[in-house]
Amino acid sequence: MFMKYLVTGATGNIGSLVTHRLIKRGIRPCIFVRDTAKARALFGDAVDIRVGDSGASQLSLAAAFAGIDTLFLLNSGPDLAARDRAAARAAKTADVSHLVKLSTLDVLTGVGTGSWHAKSETAVHESGFDYTFIRSAGFMTNALYWAKAIKTERVLRS
């Protein structure tokens, strides 16, 4: 069976890796981005682009998710739960069958962004459809954000 995937955050660090992996496997994914030029520079014509913002209305998100089987949901920030709740509802409206959410292992500890992701996971769970949470422990790219404080203050804040 042919599956249609949509990747949010496709021009960022993790989303671009997911998108490239799908392309490498011979899959033509849809990507949901704000910047078409940046997306074309990264992926050429190997993707279908849907333009928008995860903070958009549920109706516009549902239109962007139309025809999608699996949604890879990548959001961040203190309003993460609201964004993911809106995306999950829109995905349900668009008949998406599965949602994969990039979360964090810190939902179990409440450390760092763990509380944001815990609320977000609850929102996705309450949406009532099939989902997978990827609870990563961390990414090496995070170290780039810490580098200045480590170098100048000899401190790592997380």
Protein backbone atom coordinates (compact mmCIF):
# COMPACT_ATOMS: atom_id res chain seq x y z
CA MET A 1 0.00 0.00 0.00
CA PHE A 2 1.26 3.47 -0.92
CA MET A 3 1.57 5.78 2.11
CA LYS A 4 1.67 9.56 1.89
CA TYR A 5 3.84 11.24 4.54
CA LEU A 6 3.91 14.88 5.62
CA VAL A 7 6.85 16.23 7.61
CA THR A 8 6.48 19.43 9.63
CA GLY A 9 9.64 21.37 10.42
CA ALA A 10 11.21 19.90 7.29
CA THR A 11 13.73 22.70 6.82
CA GLY A 12 15.10 22.41 10.38
CA ASN A 13 17.73 20.09 11.82
CA ILE A 14 15.61 17.02 12.58
CA GLY A 15 12.84 17.52 10.03
CA SER A 16 15.33 17.81 7.18
CA LEU A 17 16.99 14.55 8.23
CA VAL A 18 13.62 12.79 8.32
CA THR A 19 12.76 14.21 4.89
CA HIS A 20 16.11 13.21 3.37
CA ARG A 21 15.72 9.70 4.81
CA LEU A 22 12.28 9.32 3.20
CA ILE A 23 13.63 10.56 -0.14
CA LYS A 24 16.57 8.15 0.09
CA ARG A 25 14.06 5.30 0.56
CA GLY A 26 12.33 6.26 -2.70
CA ILE A 27 9.43 8.03 -1.02
CA ARG A 28 8.22 11.42 -2.20
CA PRO A 29 7.10 13.12 1.01
CA CYS A 30 5.04 16.23 1.47
CA ILE A 31 6.62 18.87 3.63
CA PHE A 32 4.91 21.62 5.58
CA VAL A 33 7.10 24.74 5.58
CA ARG A 34 6.97 28.52 5.80
CA ASP A 35 9.77 29.13 3.29
CA THR A 36 9.38 27.54 -0.14
CA ALA A 37 12.76 28.78 -1.41
CA LYS A 38 14.60 27.22 1.54
CA ALA A 39 12.71 23.96 1.01
CA ARG A 40 13.57 23.86 -2.70
CA ALA A 41 17.21 24.58 -1.91
CA LEU A 42 17.30 21.62 0.49
CA PHE A 43 15.22 19.08 -1.44
CA GLY A 44 14.88 20.26 -5.04
CA ASP A 45 11.87 18.72 -6.73
CA ALA A 46 11.98 15.52 -4.62
CA VAL A 47 9.16 16.73 -2.33
CA ASP A 48 5.68 18.17 -2.51
CA ILE A 49 5.55 21.46 -0.64
CA ARG A 50 2.63 22.72 1.39
CA VAL A 51 3.15 26.21 2.73
CA GLY A 52 1.89 27.35 6.10
CA ASP A 53 2.59 27.75 9.77
CA SER A 54 1.83 25.35 12.61
CA GLY A 55 0.25 28.26 14.45
CA ALA A 56 -2.32 28.70 11.70
CA SER A 57 -6.02 28.03 12.06
CA GLN A 58 -7.19 24.45 12.39
CA LEU A 59 -9.06 24.81 9.07
CA SER A 60 -5.92 25.82 7.14
CA LEU A 61 -3.94 23.04 8.83
CA ALA A 62 -6.60 20.50 7.85
CA ALA A 63 -6.32 21.68 4.23
CA ALA A 64 -2.53 21.28 4.39
CA PHE A 65 -2.92 17.77 5.83
CA ALA A 66 -5.46 16.62 3.21
CA GLY A 67 -4.52 13.33 1.53
CA ILE A 68 -1.86 12.49 4.13
CA ASP A 69 -1.65 9.09 5.82
CA THR A 70 1.13 9.75 8.33
CA LEU A 71 2.06 13.09 9.88
CA PHE A 72 5.49 13.68 11.43
CA LEU A 73 4.84 16.44 13.95
CA LEU A 74 7.73 18.59 15.08
CA ASN A 75 6.99 21.73 17.09
CA SER A 76 8.75 23.64 19.83
CA GLY A 77 8.24 26.51 22.22
CA PRO A 78 6.13 27.26 25.27
CA ASP A 79 2.91 27.07 23.21
CA LEU A 80 3.80 23.54 22.08
CA ALA A 81 0.68 21.91 23.56
CA ALA A 82 -1.66 24.36 21.82
CA ARG A 83 0.14 23.91 18.49
CA ASP A 84 0.16 20.12 18.74
CA ARG A 85 -3.49 20.04 19.88
CA ALA A 86 -4.47 22.11 16.82
CA ALA A 87 -2.36 19.93 14.53
CA ALA A 88 -3.84 16.72 15.97
CA ARG A 89 -7.40 18.01 15.56
CA ALA A 90 -6.65 19.17 12.03
CA ALA A 91 -5.07 15.79 11.21
CA LYS A 92 -8.19 14.06 12.54
CA THR A 93 -10.37 16.34 10.38
CA ALA A 94 -8.18 15.54 7.35
CA ASP A 95 -8.44 11.77 8.02
CA VAL A 96 -4.73 11.33 8.72
CA SER A 97 -4.39 7.79 10.05
CA HIS A 98 -1.21 8.07 12.13
CA LEU A 99 0.68 10.86 13.89
CA VAL A 100 4.34 10.59 14.86
CA LYS A 101 5.37 13.26 17.37
CA LEU A 102 8.95 14.13 18.18
CA SER A 103 8.91 14.51 21.95
CA THR A 104 11.56 14.16 24.63
CA LEU A 105 12.54 11.65 27.27
CA ASP A 106 12.26 14.55 29.71
CA VAL A 107 8.45 14.16 29.80
CA LEU A 108 9.26 11.56 32.45
CA THR A 109 11.39 13.93 34.53
CA GLY A 110 9.89 17.36 33.87
CA VAL A 111 13.39 18.72 33.20
CA GLY A 112 13.93 21.37 30.52
CA THR A 113 11.20 21.30 27.91
CA GLY A 114 9.80 18.08 29.37
CA SER A 115 6.75 19.82 30.83
CA TRP A 116 5.92 21.41 27.45
CA HIS A 117 6.16 18.03 25.72
CA ALA A 118 4.18 16.27 28.46
CA LYS A 119 1.26 18.67 27.90
CA SER A 120 1.67 18.21 24.16
CA GLU A 121 1.63 14.42 24.44
CA THR A 122 -1.56 14.68 26.50
CA ALA A 123 -3.13 16.85 23.79
CA VAL A 124 -2.20 14.32 21.09
CA HIS A 125 -3.40 11.39 23.20
CA GLU A 126 -6.74 13.12 23.83
CA SER A 127 -7.23 13.63 20.08
CA GLY A 128 -8.23 9.98 19.93
CA PHE A 129 -6.28 8.62 17.03
CA ASP A 130 -3.26 6.42 16.41
CA TYR A 131 0.05 8.00 17.40
CA THR A 132 3.70 7.28 18.15
CA PHE A 133 5.83 9.40 20.45
CA ILE A 134 9.56 9.50 19.82
CA ARG A 135 11.12 10.39 23.17
CA SER A 136 14.67 11.32 22.36
CA ALA A 137 17.22 11.98 25.08
CA GLY A 138 18.90 14.81 23.19
CA PHE A 139 20.59 15.83 19.98
CA MET A 140 24.19 16.79 19.43
CA THR A 141 23.04 19.93 17.61
CA ASN A 142 21.80 21.18 20.98
CA ALA A 143 25.43 21.49 22.02
CA LEU A 144 25.83 24.33 19.51
CA TYR A 145 23.30 26.35 21.51
CA TRP A 146 25.28 25.72 24.68
CA ALA A 147 28.71 26.49 23.26
CA LYS A 148 28.79 30.23 23.99
CA ALA A 149 27.75 29.86 27.66
CA ILE A 150 30.20 27.01 28.14
CA LYS A 151 33.02 29.02 26.60
CA THR A 152 32.31 32.37 28.25
CA GLU A 153 30.75 31.38 31.57
CA ARG A 154 31.87 27.76 31.93
CA VAL A 155 28.21 26.92 32.55
CA LEU A 156 25.74 24.61 30.86
CA ARG A 157 22.10 25.49 31.43
CA SER A 158 19.40 23.04 30.51
